[in-house]
Amino acid sequence: MTSFRDRYHAGRFLAEKLSQYAGRKDAIVLALPRGGVPVGYEVAKALNAPLDVFLVRKLGLPGREELAMGAVATGGVRVLNEEVVRWFKIPESTIEAVAEREQRELERREREYRGGRPFPDLSNKTVILVDDGLATGTTMKAAITALRAYKPARIVMAVPTAPPETCEEFRNEVDTAICATTPQPFWAVGAWYEDFSQTSDEEVRSLLEQVSAKQAA
């Protein structure tokens, strides 16, 4: 089964599966920071498409932060997991407090990564949503739900690696789901990378600026 040298290698491999979108004026690549950005960079470069980031912050249940009661995303979009909210009887004040904290962090990262560049208009666009892999897919599901608020024409979810059953779930969530490899047993996303070291904020900024400068030229 394919093991990637690093996220850039994974992005080039993934780009081959997305060749049908090359050169299309309506296509844009959105990467989930931070690990999805080097992957998205290679995809955007291969497709000659714009690259931007789509930030999502999970709203963890206080005391059980691993349990998502919702998420906030780029553009002030908030998504709630109504089932979790009802089951745990989470008061509105708790949701507001957690959402405000995560929104501040999201906005900090927006400024850090995008600088003064405005968020792109996604209406009627084919959005290729990229990450470095899926495990449970919770963050990606929140991103897809939030992304629909921007009224894209199509959402294409694309990752280098994911468990086959998780990838299958996303076929009902988006217009097209592309998982370049679906190893079984899966273990973890990092198990399929020789170098899975953390992507830095500086690297994210640099990659976004490179693609932006190329598109402007």
N, C-alpha and C. Protein backbone atom coordinates (compact mmCIF):
# COMPACT_ATOMS: atom_id res chain seq x y z
N MET A 1 0.86 -1.19 0.00
CA MET A 1 0.00 0.00 0.00
C MET A 1 0.89 1.24 0.00
N THR A 2 0.46 2.28 -0.72
CA THR A 2 1.27 3.49 -0.88
C THR A 2 1.52 4.18 0.45
N SER A 3 2.80 4.52 0.69
CA SER A 3 3.18 5.35 1.82
C SER A 3 3.80 6.61 1.23
N PHE A 4 3.41 7.77 1.73
CA PHE A 4 3.88 9.03 1.16
C PHE A 4 5.14 9.51 1.88
N ARG A 5 6.05 10.12 1.12
CA ARG A 5 7.27 10.65 1.74
C ARG A 5 6.89 11.78 2.71
N ASP A 6 6.03 12.68 2.24
CA ASP A 6 5.57 13.81 3.05
C ASP A 6 4.28 14.34 2.43
N ARG A 7 3.79 15.46 2.95
CA ARG A 7 2.50 15.97 2.46
C ARG A 7 2.58 16.48 1.02
N TYR A 8 3.75 16.96 0.62
CA TYR A 8 3.90 17.44 -0.76
C TYR A 8 3.81 16.27 -1.74
N HIS A 9 4.47 15.18 -1.41
CA HIS A 9 4.39 13.96 -2.23
C HIS A 9 2.93 13.49 -2.30
N ALA A 10 2.25 13.52 -1.15
CA ALA A 10 0.84 13.10 -1.11
C ALA A 10 -0.03 14.01 -1.99
N GLY A 11 0.28 15.31 -1.98
CA GLY A 11 -0.48 16.26 -2.80
C GLY A 11 -0.31 16.01 -4.29
N ARG A 12 0.91 15.69 -4.70
CA ARG A 12 1.16 15.39 -6.12
C ARG A 12 0.43 14.11 -6.54
N PHE A 13 0.43 13.13 -5.64
CA PHE A 13 -0.26 11.86 -5.91
C PHE A 13 -1.77 12.11 -6.03
N LEU A 14 -2.29 12.91 -5.10
CA LEU A 14 -3.73 13.21 -5.10
C LEU A 14 -4.13 14.01 -6.35
N ALA A 15 -3.25 14.92 -6.76
CA ALA A 15 -3.55 15.77 -7.92
C ALA A 15 -3.80 14.93 -9.18
N GLU A 16 -3.13 13.80 -9.29
CA GLU A 16 -3.33 12.92 -10.45
C GLU A 16 -4.78 12.41 -10.52
N LYS A 17 -5.39 12.24 -9.33
CA LYS A 17 -6.78 11.75 -9.28
C LYS A 17 -7.79 12.87 -9.57
N LEU A 18 -7.28 14.11 -9.64
CA LEU A 18 -8.16 15.27 -9.82
C LEU A 18 -7.92 15.94 -11.16
N SER A 19 -7.27 15.25 -12.07
CA SER A 19 -6.84 15.88 -13.34
C SER A 19 -8.02 16.42 -14.16
N GLN A 20 -9.22 15.89 -13.95
CA GLN A 20 -10.38 16.38 -14.71
C GLN A 20 -10.73 17.84 -14.40
N TYR A 21 -10.20 18.35 -13.26
CA TYR A 21 -10.49 19.73 -12.87
C TYR A 21 -9.39 20.70 -13.30
N ALA A 22 -8.36 20.22 -13.97
CA ALA A 22 -7.23 21.07 -14.38
C ALA A 22 -7.69 22.14 -15.35
N GLY A 23 -7.24 23.37 -15.06
CA GLY A 23 -7.51 24.48 -15.98
C GLY A 23 -8.93 25.00 -15.97
N ARG A 24 -9.77 24.50 -15.10
CA ARG A 24 -11.17 24.96 -15.07
C ARG A 24 -11.27 26.29 -14.33
N LYS A 25 -11.95 27.23 -14.94
CA LYS A 25 -12.06 28.58 -14.37
C LYS A 25 -12.92 28.60 -13.11
N ASP A 26 -13.80 27.60 -12.97
CA ASP A 26 -14.70 27.61 -11.81
C ASP A 26 -14.14 26.85 -10.61
N ALA A 27 -12.94 26.26 -10.76
CA ALA A 27 -12.39 25.43 -9.67
C ALA A 27 -11.55 26.24 -8.70
N ILE A 28 -11.67 25.93 -7.42
CA ILE A 28 -10.83 26.52 -6.38
C ILE A 28 -10.51 25.44 -5.36
N VAL A 29 -9.28 25.44 -4.87
CA VAL A 29 -8.85 24.48 -3.86
C VAL A 29 -8.90 25.16 -2.49
N LEU A 30 -9.62 24.56 -1.55
CA LEU A 30 -9.65 25.03 -0.16
C LEU A 30 -9.02 23.95 0.69
N ALA A 31 -8.00 24.32 1.47
CA ALA A 31 -7.29 23.36 2.31
C ALA A 31 -7.61 23.59 3.78
N LEU A 32 -7.72 22.50 4.53
CA LEU A 32 -7.93 22.61 5.98
C LEU A 32 -6.57 22.74 6.65
N PRO A 33 -6.31 23.87 7.34
CA PRO A 33 -5.01 24.04 8.00
C PRO A 33 -4.90 23.12 9.21
N ARG A 34 -3.64 22.82 9.63
CA ARG A 34 -2.50 23.26 8.87
C ARG A 34 -2.03 22.18 7.90
N GLY A 35 -2.20 20.92 8.27
CA GLY A 35 -1.64 19.83 7.48
C GLY A 35 -2.18 19.70 6.08
N GLY A 36 -3.40 20.21 5.84
CA GLY A 36 -3.97 20.11 4.51
C GLY A 36 -3.37 21.09 3.51
N VAL A 37 -2.66 22.11 4.01
CA VAL A 37 -2.19 23.18 3.11
C VAL A 37 -1.07 22.72 2.17
N PRO A 38 -0.03 22.00 2.64
CA PRO A 38 0.97 21.51 1.68
C PRO A 38 0.36 20.57 0.63
N VAL A 39 -0.62 19.77 1.04
CA VAL A 39 -1.32 18.89 0.09
C VAL A 39 -2.08 19.74 -0.92
N GLY A 40 -2.84 20.71 -0.41
CA GLY A 40 -3.61 21.60 -1.27
C GLY A 40 -2.74 22.42 -2.20
N TYR A 41 -1.55 22.81 -1.73
CA TYR A 41 -0.61 23.58 -2.55
C TYR A 41 -0.23 22.81 -3.81
N GLU A 42 0.10 21.53 -3.64
CA GLU A 42 0.49 20.72 -4.81
C GLU A 42 -0.70 20.47 -5.74
N VAL A 43 -1.88 20.30 -5.15
CA VAL A 43 -3.09 20.10 -5.96
C VAL A 43 -3.38 21.36 -6.77
N ALA A 44 -3.35 22.52 -6.10
CA ALA A 44 -3.64 23.79 -6.78
C ALA A 44 -2.62 24.06 -7.89
N LYS A 45 -1.36 23.76 -7.60
CA LYS A 45 -0.30 23.98 -8.59
C LYS A 45 -0.53 23.11 -9.83
N ALA A 46 -0.86 21.84 -9.60
CA ALA A 46 -1.07 20.91 -10.71
C ALA A 46 -2.31 21.27 -11.53
N LEU A 47 -3.34 21.77 -10.87
CA LEU A 47 -4.61 22.08 -11.56
C LEU A 47 -4.64 23.51 -12.09
N ASN A 48 -3.60 24.30 -11.73
CA ASN A 48 -3.58 25.73 -12.06
C ASN A 48 -4.84 26.41 -11.51
N ALA A 49 -5.10 26.17 -10.23
CA ALA A 49 -6.30 26.69 -9.56
C ALA A 49 -5.89 27.56 -8.38
N PRO A 50 -6.75 28.48 -7.96
CA PRO A 50 -6.46 29.27 -6.75
C PRO A 50 -6.45 28.35 -5.52
N LEU A 51 -5.73 28.80 -4.50
CA LEU A 51 -5.66 28.07 -3.22
C LEU A 51 -6.02 29.02 -2.09
N ASP A 52 -6.85 28.55 -1.18
CA ASP A 52 -7.13 29.31 0.04
C ASP A 52 -7.33 28.32 1.17
N VAL A 53 -7.49 28.85 2.37
CA VAL A 53 -7.72 27.99 3.53
C VAL A 53 -9.17 28.10 3.97
N PHE A 54 -9.68 27.01 4.51
CA PHE A 54 -11.01 27.01 5.10
C PHE A 54 -10.84 26.52 6.53
N LEU A 55 -10.98 27.44 7.46
CA LEU A 55 -10.71 27.11 8.86
C LEU A 55 -11.95 26.60 9.56
N VAL A 56 -11.76 25.56 10.35
CA VAL A 56 -12.83 24.98 11.15
C VAL A 56 -12.28 24.77 12.56
N ARG A 57 -13.06 25.18 13.55
CA ARG A 57 -12.69 24.93 14.96
C ARG A 57 -13.82 24.15 15.61
N LYS A 58 -13.47 23.03 16.18
CA LYS A 58 -14.46 22.20 16.87
C LYS A 58 -14.92 22.89 18.14
N LEU A 59 -16.20 22.77 18.46
CA LEU A 59 -16.74 23.24 19.74
C LEU A 59 -16.82 22.02 20.66
N GLY A 60 -15.80 21.89 21.50
CA GLY A 60 -15.74 20.73 22.39
C GLY A 60 -16.63 20.91 23.61
N LEU A 61 -17.28 19.84 24.03
CA LEU A 61 -18.12 19.87 25.23
C LEU A 61 -17.22 20.10 26.44
N PRO A 62 -17.46 21.14 27.27
CA PRO A 62 -16.61 21.39 28.43
C PRO A 62 -16.48 20.15 29.32
N GLY A 63 -15.23 19.79 29.62
CA GLY A 63 -14.97 18.60 30.42
C GLY A 63 -14.85 17.34 29.59
N ARG A 64 -15.36 17.40 28.36
CA ARG A 64 -15.24 16.27 27.42
C ARG A 64 -14.95 16.84 26.03
N GLU A 65 -13.79 17.54 25.96
CA GLU A 65 -13.47 18.33 24.77
C GLU A 65 -13.39 17.52 23.49
N GLU A 66 -13.14 16.20 23.64
CA GLU A 66 -13.04 15.37 22.43
C GLU A 66 -14.40 15.19 21.76
N LEU A 67 -15.49 15.47 22.52
CA LEU A 67 -16.84 15.32 21.99
C LEU A 67 -17.29 16.64 21.37
N ALA A 68 -17.57 16.63 20.08
CA ALA A 68 -17.93 17.87 19.37
C ALA A 68 -19.42 18.15 19.52
N MET A 69 -19.73 19.32 20.10
CA MET A 69 -21.14 19.74 20.14
C MET A 69 -21.45 20.66 18.95
N GLY A 70 -20.41 20.91 18.15
CA GLY A 70 -20.59 21.73 16.95
C GLY A 70 -19.24 22.21 16.45
N ALA A 71 -19.27 23.21 15.58
CA ALA A 71 -18.04 23.76 15.03
C ALA A 71 -18.32 25.17 14.52
N VAL A 72 -17.26 25.98 14.48
CA VAL A 72 -17.33 27.28 13.81
C VAL A 72 -16.37 27.22 12.64
N ALA A 73 -16.69 27.98 11.59
CA ALA A 73 -15.87 27.92 10.38
C ALA A 73 -15.71 29.32 9.80
N THR A 74 -14.81 29.42 8.86
CA THR A 74 -14.53 30.66 8.14
C THR A 74 -15.81 31.40 7.78
N GLY A 75 -15.80 32.72 8.02
CA GLY A 75 -16.94 33.55 7.62
C GLY A 75 -18.03 33.64 8.67
N GLY A 76 -17.73 33.22 9.91
CA GLY A 76 -18.72 33.32 10.98
C GLY A 76 -19.80 32.26 10.94
N VAL A 77 -19.57 31.18 10.20
CA VAL A 77 -20.54 30.09 10.12
C VAL A 77 -20.45 29.22 11.37
N ARG A 78 -21.60 28.93 11.97
CA ARG A 78 -21.63 28.04 13.14
C ARG A 78 -22.55 26.86 12.85
N VAL A 79 -22.06 25.68 13.17
CA VAL A 79 -22.83 24.45 12.96
C VAL A 79 -22.95 23.76 14.31
N LEU A 80 -24.16 23.35 14.68
CA LEU A 80 -24.35 22.64 15.95
C LEU A 80 -24.74 21.19 15.71
N ASN A 81 -24.22 20.31 16.55
CA ASN A 81 -24.64 18.91 16.54
C ASN A 81 -25.84 18.82 17.48
N GLU A 82 -27.03 18.97 16.91
CA GLU A 82 -28.25 19.07 17.72
C GLU A 82 -28.46 17.83 18.59
N GLU A 83 -28.04 16.68 18.11
CA GLU A 83 -28.21 15.45 18.87
C GLU A 83 -27.41 15.50 20.17
N VAL A 84 -26.14 15.94 20.07
CA VAL A 84 -25.28 16.06 21.26
C VAL A 84 -25.83 17.12 22.20
N VAL A 85 -26.25 18.26 21.63
CA VAL A 85 -26.79 19.36 22.45
C VAL A 85 -28.01 18.90 23.24
N ARG A 86 -28.92 18.17 22.59
CA ARG A 86 -30.13 17.68 23.28
C ARG A 86 -29.79 16.62 24.32
N TRP A 87 -28.95 15.66 23.95
CA TRP A 87 -28.64 14.53 24.83
C TRP A 87 -28.00 14.99 26.13
N PHE A 88 -27.05 15.97 26.01
CA PHE A 88 -26.34 16.44 27.20
C PHE A 88 -26.99 17.68 27.81
N LYS A 89 -28.14 18.10 27.23
CA LYS A 89 -28.87 19.28 27.75
C LYS A 89 -27.92 20.48 27.93
N ILE A 90 -27.18 20.79 26.89
CA ILE A 90 -26.18 21.86 26.97
C ILE A 90 -26.89 23.22 26.87
N PRO A 91 -26.73 24.07 27.88
CA PRO A 91 -27.40 25.38 27.84
C PRO A 91 -26.79 26.29 26.78
N GLU A 92 -27.60 27.22 26.29
CA GLU A 92 -27.16 28.16 25.25
C GLU A 92 -25.94 28.97 25.70
N SER A 93 -25.91 29.31 27.00
CA SER A 93 -24.79 30.11 27.53
C SER A 93 -23.46 29.37 27.38
N THR A 94 -23.47 28.05 27.58
CA THR A 94 -22.25 27.25 27.43
C THR A 94 -21.80 27.22 25.97
N ILE A 95 -22.77 27.02 25.08
CA ILE A 95 -22.46 27.01 23.65
C ILE A 95 -21.86 28.35 23.22
N GLU A 96 -22.48 29.44 23.70
CA GLU A 96 -22.00 30.78 23.34
C GLU A 96 -20.57 31.01 23.82
N ALA A 97 -20.29 30.61 25.07
CA ALA A 97 -18.96 30.84 25.64
C ALA A 97 -17.89 30.09 24.86
N VAL A 98 -18.15 28.82 24.56
CA VAL A 98 -17.18 28.02 23.81
C VAL A 98 -17.04 28.55 22.39
N ALA A 99 -18.17 28.90 21.77
CA ALA A 99 -18.15 29.40 20.39
C ALA A 99 -17.37 30.70 20.28
N GLU A 100 -17.55 31.60 21.26
CA GLU A 100 -16.83 32.88 21.24
C GLU A 100 -15.33 32.66 21.34
N ARG A 101 -14.91 31.74 22.22
CA ARG A 101 -13.49 31.45 22.38
C ARG A 101 -12.89 30.88 21.10
N GLU A 102 -13.59 29.92 20.51
CA GLU A 102 -13.07 29.28 19.30
C GLU A 102 -13.13 30.24 18.10
N GLN A 103 -14.13 31.12 18.09
CA GLN A 103 -14.23 32.11 17.01
C GLN A 103 -13.05 33.07 17.06
N ARG A 104 -12.64 33.47 18.26
CA ARG A 104 -11.48 34.36 18.40
C ARG A 104 -10.22 33.70 17.85
N GLU A 105 -10.03 32.42 18.20
CA GLU A 105 -8.85 31.69 17.70
C GLU A 105 -8.92 31.52 16.19
N LEU A 106 -10.11 31.25 15.67
CA LEU A 106 -10.27 31.10 14.22
C LEU A 106 -9.92 32.42 13.51
N GLU A 107 -10.40 33.53 14.06
CA GLU A 107 -10.12 34.83 13.44
C GLU A 107 -8.65 35.18 13.52
N ARG A 108 -7.99 34.79 14.62
CA ARG A 108 -6.54 35.01 14.74
C ARG A 108 -5.82 34.27 13.63
N ARG A 109 -6.21 33.02 13.41
CA ARG A 109 -5.56 32.22 12.36
C ARG A 109 -5.88 32.77 10.97
N GLU A 110 -7.10 33.25 10.80
CA GLU A 110 -7.46 33.87 9.51
C GLU A 110 -6.49 35.01 9.19
N ARG A 111 -6.28 35.90 10.18
CA ARG A 111 -5.37 37.03 9.98
C ARG A 111 -3.95 36.54 9.72
N GLU A 112 -3.55 35.54 10.49
CA GLU A 112 -2.20 34.99 10.39
C GLU A 112 -1.94 34.41 9.01
N TYR A 113 -2.90 33.67 8.47
CA TYR A 113 -2.69 32.95 7.22
C TYR A 113 -3.00 33.79 5.99
N ARG A 114 -4.10 34.55 6.04
CA ARG A 114 -4.56 35.21 4.83
C ARG A 114 -4.06 36.64 4.73
N GLY A 115 -3.62 37.23 5.86
CA GLY A 115 -3.20 38.62 5.83
C GLY A 115 -4.40 39.49 5.49
N GLY A 116 -4.22 40.38 4.53
CA GLY A 116 -5.32 41.27 4.16
C GLY A 116 -6.16 40.75 3.01
N ARG A 117 -5.86 39.54 2.52
CA ARG A 117 -6.62 39.03 1.37
C ARG A 117 -8.04 38.64 1.80
N PRO A 118 -9.04 39.08 1.03
CA PRO A 118 -10.42 38.71 1.39
C PRO A 118 -10.69 37.24 1.09
N PHE A 119 -11.68 36.70 1.76
CA PHE A 119 -12.09 35.33 1.47
C PHE A 119 -12.76 35.29 0.11
N PRO A 120 -12.46 34.28 -0.72
CA PRO A 120 -13.00 34.27 -2.08
C PRO A 120 -14.51 34.03 -2.13
N ASP A 121 -15.12 34.51 -3.20
CA ASP A 121 -16.54 34.24 -3.46
C ASP A 121 -16.65 32.80 -3.99
N LEU A 122 -17.38 31.96 -3.28
CA LEU A 122 -17.49 30.55 -3.66
C LEU A 122 -18.78 30.21 -4.40
N SER A 123 -19.65 31.19 -4.55
CA SER A 123 -20.94 30.89 -5.19
C SER A 123 -20.71 30.42 -6.64
N ASN A 124 -21.38 29.32 -6.96
CA ASN A 124 -21.30 28.70 -8.30
C ASN A 124 -19.91 28.17 -8.64
N LYS A 125 -19.05 27.98 -7.64
CA LYS A 125 -17.71 27.43 -7.88
C LYS A 125 -17.70 25.93 -7.60
N THR A 126 -16.74 25.25 -8.22
CA THR A 126 -16.45 23.86 -7.85
C THR A 126 -15.35 23.92 -6.80
N VAL A 127 -15.71 23.64 -5.56
CA VAL A 127 -14.76 23.72 -4.45
C VAL A 127 -14.15 22.34 -4.21
N ILE A 128 -12.82 22.29 -4.28
CA ILE A 128 -12.09 21.05 -3.98
C ILE A 128 -11.53 21.20 -2.57
N LEU A 129 -12.16 20.50 -1.63
CA LEU A 129 -11.83 20.62 -0.21
C LEU A 129 -10.82 19.54 0.15
N VAL A 130 -9.64 19.97 0.62
CA VAL A 130 -8.49 19.07 0.76
C VAL A 130 -7.98 19.03 2.20
N ASP A 131 -7.62 17.83 2.66
CA ASP A 131 -6.89 17.68 3.91
C ASP A 131 -5.81 16.62 3.69
N ASP A 132 -4.96 16.39 4.71
CA ASP A 132 -3.88 15.41 4.54
C ASP A 132 -4.34 13.97 4.78
N GLY A 133 -5.60 13.79 5.17
CA GLY A 133 -6.16 12.46 5.38
C GLY A 133 -7.36 12.53 6.29
N LEU A 134 -8.10 11.45 6.34
CA LEU A 134 -9.26 11.35 7.23
C LEU A 134 -9.06 10.18 8.18
N ALA A 135 -9.51 10.35 9.41
CA ALA A 135 -9.59 9.21 10.33
C ALA A 135 -11.07 8.99 10.60
N THR A 136 -11.64 9.76 11.54
CA THR A 136 -13.10 9.69 11.76
C THR A 136 -13.85 10.61 10.80
N GLY A 137 -13.17 11.68 10.34
CA GLY A 137 -13.80 12.60 9.40
C GLY A 137 -14.64 13.69 10.04
N THR A 138 -14.57 13.84 11.37
CA THR A 138 -15.42 14.81 12.08
C THR A 138 -15.18 16.24 11.61
N THR A 139 -13.90 16.63 11.52
CA THR A 139 -13.58 18.00 11.10
C THR A 139 -14.01 18.24 9.67
N MET A 140 -13.78 17.27 8.81
CA MET A 140 -14.17 17.42 7.41
C MET A 140 -15.69 17.56 7.28
N LYS A 141 -16.44 16.80 8.07
CA LYS A 141 -17.91 16.89 8.01
C LYS A 141 -18.37 18.29 8.42
N ALA A 142 -17.74 18.84 9.46
CA ALA A 142 -18.08 20.20 9.90
C ALA A 142 -17.75 21.20 8.81
N ALA A 143 -16.61 21.01 8.15
CA ALA A 143 -16.21 21.92 7.07
C ALA A 143 -17.21 21.87 5.92
N ILE A 144 -17.64 20.68 5.56
CA ILE A 144 -18.59 20.53 4.44
C ILE A 144 -19.93 21.20 4.78
N THR A 145 -20.40 20.98 6.01
CA THR A 145 -21.67 21.58 6.44
C THR A 145 -21.57 23.10 6.38
N ALA A 146 -20.45 23.65 6.88
CA ALA A 146 -20.26 25.10 6.88
C ALA A 146 -20.09 25.64 5.47
N LEU A 147 -19.43 24.88 4.62
CA LEU A 147 -19.15 25.30 3.25
C LEU A 147 -20.43 25.50 2.44
N ARG A 148 -21.45 24.72 2.75
CA ARG A 148 -22.71 24.82 2.00
C ARG A 148 -23.35 26.21 2.12
N ALA A 149 -23.03 26.91 3.22
CA ALA A 149 -23.58 28.26 3.41
C ALA A 149 -23.09 29.23 2.33
N TYR A 150 -21.98 28.89 1.68
CA TYR A 150 -21.41 29.76 0.64
C TYR A 150 -21.95 29.45 -0.75
N LYS A 151 -22.86 28.48 -0.85
CA LYS A 151 -23.55 28.13 -2.10
C LYS A 151 -22.61 27.81 -3.28
N PRO A 152 -21.65 26.90 -3.06
CA PRO A 152 -20.85 26.47 -4.21
C PRO A 152 -21.70 25.60 -5.14
N ALA A 153 -21.29 25.51 -6.41
CA ALA A 153 -22.01 24.66 -7.36
C ALA A 153 -21.79 23.19 -7.04
N ARG A 154 -20.54 22.84 -6.69
CA ARG A 154 -20.17 21.46 -6.37
C ARG A 154 -19.12 21.45 -5.27
N ILE A 155 -19.18 20.42 -4.42
CA ILE A 155 -18.14 20.20 -3.42
C ILE A 155 -17.47 18.87 -3.72
N VAL A 156 -16.15 18.95 -3.93
CA VAL A 156 -15.34 17.75 -4.15
C VAL A 156 -14.45 17.58 -2.93
N MET A 157 -14.62 16.50 -2.17
CA MET A 157 -13.78 16.22 -1.02
C MET A 157 -12.63 15.32 -1.49
N ALA A 158 -11.38 15.76 -1.23
CA ALA A 158 -10.23 15.01 -1.73
C ALA A 158 -9.14 14.89 -0.67
N VAL A 159 -8.74 13.66 -0.39
CA VAL A 159 -7.67 13.40 0.59
C VAL A 159 -6.75 12.30 0.05
N PRO A 160 -5.48 12.31 0.48
CA PRO A 160 -4.56 11.26 0.03
C PRO A 160 -4.86 9.89 0.62
N THR A 161 -5.39 9.86 1.86
CA THR A 161 -5.60 8.56 2.51
C THR A 161 -6.74 8.62 3.51
N ALA A 162 -7.48 7.52 3.61
CA ALA A 162 -8.61 7.43 4.55
C ALA A 162 -9.01 5.97 4.68
N PRO A 163 -9.65 5.59 5.80
CA PRO A 163 -10.19 4.23 5.88
C PRO A 163 -11.30 4.07 4.85
N PRO A 164 -11.43 2.89 4.24
CA PRO A 164 -12.45 2.71 3.20
C PRO A 164 -13.86 3.04 3.68
N GLU A 165 -14.19 2.67 4.93
CA GLU A 165 -15.55 2.91 5.41
C GLU A 165 -15.83 4.40 5.62
N THR A 166 -14.80 5.16 6.07
CA THR A 166 -14.97 6.61 6.24
C THR A 166 -15.14 7.28 4.89
N CYS A 167 -14.32 6.87 3.94
CA CYS A 167 -14.43 7.43 2.59
C CYS A 167 -15.82 7.18 2.01
N GLU A 168 -16.32 6.00 2.24
CA GLU A 168 -17.65 5.63 1.72
C GLU A 168 -18.74 6.53 2.30
N GLU A 169 -18.62 6.86 3.59
CA GLU A 169 -19.61 7.73 4.24
C GLU A 169 -19.71 9.08 3.54
N PHE A 170 -18.56 9.58 3.07
CA PHE A 170 -18.54 10.91 2.46
C PHE A 170 -19.16 10.94 1.07
N ARG A 171 -19.38 9.80 0.48
CA ARG A 171 -20.01 9.79 -0.84
C ARG A 171 -21.44 10.33 -0.78
N ASN A 172 -22.04 10.26 0.41
CA ASN A 172 -23.39 10.82 0.60
C ASN A 172 -23.35 12.27 1.08
N GLU A 173 -22.15 12.76 1.43
CA GLU A 173 -22.02 14.10 2.00
C GLU A 173 -21.69 15.16 0.94
N VAL A 174 -21.01 14.75 -0.14
CA VAL A 174 -20.52 15.68 -1.14
C VAL A 174 -20.89 15.20 -2.55
N ASP A 175 -20.61 16.04 -3.54
CA ASP A 175 -20.89 15.65 -4.93
C ASP A 175 -19.91 14.57 -5.39
N THR A 176 -18.64 14.72 -5.00
CA THR A 176 -17.62 13.73 -5.34
C THR A 176 -16.68 13.56 -4.16
N ALA A 177 -16.40 12.32 -3.79
CA ALA A 177 -15.43 12.02 -2.71
C ALA A 177 -14.27 11.24 -3.31
N ILE A 178 -13.06 11.79 -3.18
CA ILE A 178 -11.88 11.13 -3.73
C ILE A 178 -10.89 10.85 -2.60
N CYS A 179 -10.67 9.59 -2.33
CA CYS A 179 -9.65 9.15 -1.38
C CYS A 179 -8.62 8.39 -2.20
N ALA A 180 -7.43 8.97 -2.34
CA ALA A 180 -6.43 8.41 -3.26
C ALA A 180 -6.00 7.01 -2.84
N THR A 181 -5.92 6.76 -1.53
CA THR A 181 -5.63 5.41 -1.02
C THR A 181 -6.58 5.12 0.13
N THR A 182 -7.00 3.87 0.24
CA THR A 182 -7.89 3.45 1.34
C THR A 182 -7.33 2.17 1.96
N PRO A 183 -6.22 2.30 2.71
CA PRO A 183 -5.59 1.10 3.30
C PRO A 183 -6.47 0.44 4.35
N GLN A 184 -6.32 -0.87 4.47
CA GLN A 184 -7.07 -1.64 5.46
C GLN A 184 -6.14 -2.72 6.02
N PRO A 185 -5.85 -2.77 7.32
CA PRO A 185 -6.32 -1.86 8.37
C PRO A 185 -5.69 -0.48 8.24
N PHE A 186 -6.37 0.53 8.79
CA PHE A 186 -5.95 1.91 8.56
C PHE A 186 -4.97 2.43 9.62
N TRP A 187 -5.18 2.16 10.89
CA TRP A 187 -4.40 2.68 12.03
C TRP A 187 -4.62 4.17 12.23
N ALA A 188 -3.85 5.02 11.51
CA ALA A 188 -3.96 6.47 11.69
C ALA A 188 -3.43 7.15 10.44
N VAL A 189 -3.80 8.42 10.23
CA VAL A 189 -3.35 9.14 9.04
C VAL A 189 -1.83 9.16 8.97
N GLY A 190 -1.18 9.49 10.10
CA GLY A 190 0.27 9.61 10.14
C GLY A 190 1.02 8.32 9.82
N ALA A 191 0.35 7.18 9.95
CA ALA A 191 1.00 5.89 9.67
C ALA A 191 1.34 5.75 8.19
N TRP A 192 0.71 6.56 7.33
CA TRP A 192 0.91 6.43 5.89
C TRP A 192 1.82 7.52 5.33
N TYR A 193 2.52 8.21 6.25
CA TYR A 193 3.51 9.22 5.88
C TYR A 193 4.85 8.89 6.54
N GLU A 194 5.91 8.97 5.74
CA GLU A 194 7.24 8.81 6.34
C GLU A 194 7.58 10.03 7.19
N ASP A 195 7.21 11.22 6.71
CA ASP A 195 7.40 12.46 7.46
C ASP A 195 6.03 13.09 7.68
N PHE A 196 5.57 13.05 8.93
CA PHE A 196 4.26 13.61 9.28
C PHE A 196 4.45 14.70 10.33
N SER A 197 5.59 15.40 10.24
CA SER A 197 5.86 16.47 11.21
C SER A 197 4.88 17.62 11.02
N GLN A 198 4.68 18.38 12.08
CA GLN A 198 3.65 19.42 12.07
C GLN A 198 3.98 20.53 11.08
N THR A 199 2.98 20.96 10.35
CA THR A 199 3.13 22.10 9.43
C THR A 199 3.08 23.38 10.26
N SER A 200 4.01 24.31 10.00
CA SER A 200 4.06 25.54 10.79
C SER A 200 3.16 26.62 10.19
N ASP A 201 2.83 27.63 11.00
CA ASP A 201 2.07 28.77 10.51
C ASP A 201 2.84 29.48 9.40
N GLU A 202 4.17 29.57 9.55
CA GLU A 202 5.00 30.24 8.54
C GLU A 202 4.91 29.52 7.19
N GLU A 203 4.91 28.18 7.23
CA GLU A 203 4.81 27.39 6.00
C GLU A 203 3.46 27.62 5.33
N VAL A 204 2.40 27.65 6.13
CA VAL A 204 1.05 27.90 5.59
C VAL A 204 1.01 29.25 4.88
N ARG A 205 1.51 30.30 5.55
CA ARG A 205 1.52 31.65 4.96
C ARG A 205 2.30 31.68 3.66
N SER A 206 3.47 31.07 3.69
CA SER A 206 4.36 31.07 2.51
C SER A 206 3.70 30.39 1.31
N LEU A 207 3.07 29.24 1.54
CA LEU A 207 2.45 28.49 0.44
C LEU A 207 1.27 29.27 -0.15
N LEU A 208 0.46 29.88 0.71
CA LEU A 208 -0.68 30.67 0.23
C LEU A 208 -0.20 31.87 -0.59
N GLU A 209 0.86 32.51 -0.12
CA GLU A 209 1.40 33.68 -0.82
C GLU A 209 1.97 33.29 -2.19
N GLN A 210 2.63 32.12 -2.24
CA GLN A 210 3.21 31.67 -3.52
C GLN A 210 2.12 31.45 -4.57
N VAL A 211 1.05 30.76 -4.17
CA VAL A 211 -0.03 30.50 -5.13
C VAL A 211 -0.74 31.79 -5.51
N SER A 212 -0.93 32.67 -4.55
CA SER A 212 -1.61 33.96 -4.81
C SER A 212 -0.80 34.79 -5.80
N ALA A 213 0.52 34.82 -5.62
CA ALA A 213 1.39 35.59 -6.52
C ALA A 213 1.37 35.00 -7.94
N LYS A 214 1.36 33.67 -8.02
CA LYS A 214 1.33 33.00 -9.33
C LYS A 214 0.02 33.29 -10.05
N GLN A 215 -1.10 33.25 -9.30
CA GLN A 215 -2.41 33.51 -9.91
C GLN A 215 -2.48 34.95 -10.40
N ALA A 216 -1.93 35.88 -9.60
CA ALA A 216 -1.95 37.29 -9.98
C ALA A 216 -1.13 37.54 -11.24
N ALA A 217 -0.01 36.81 -11.34
CA ALA A 217 0.87 36.97 -12.53
C ALA A 217 0.20 36.42 -13.77
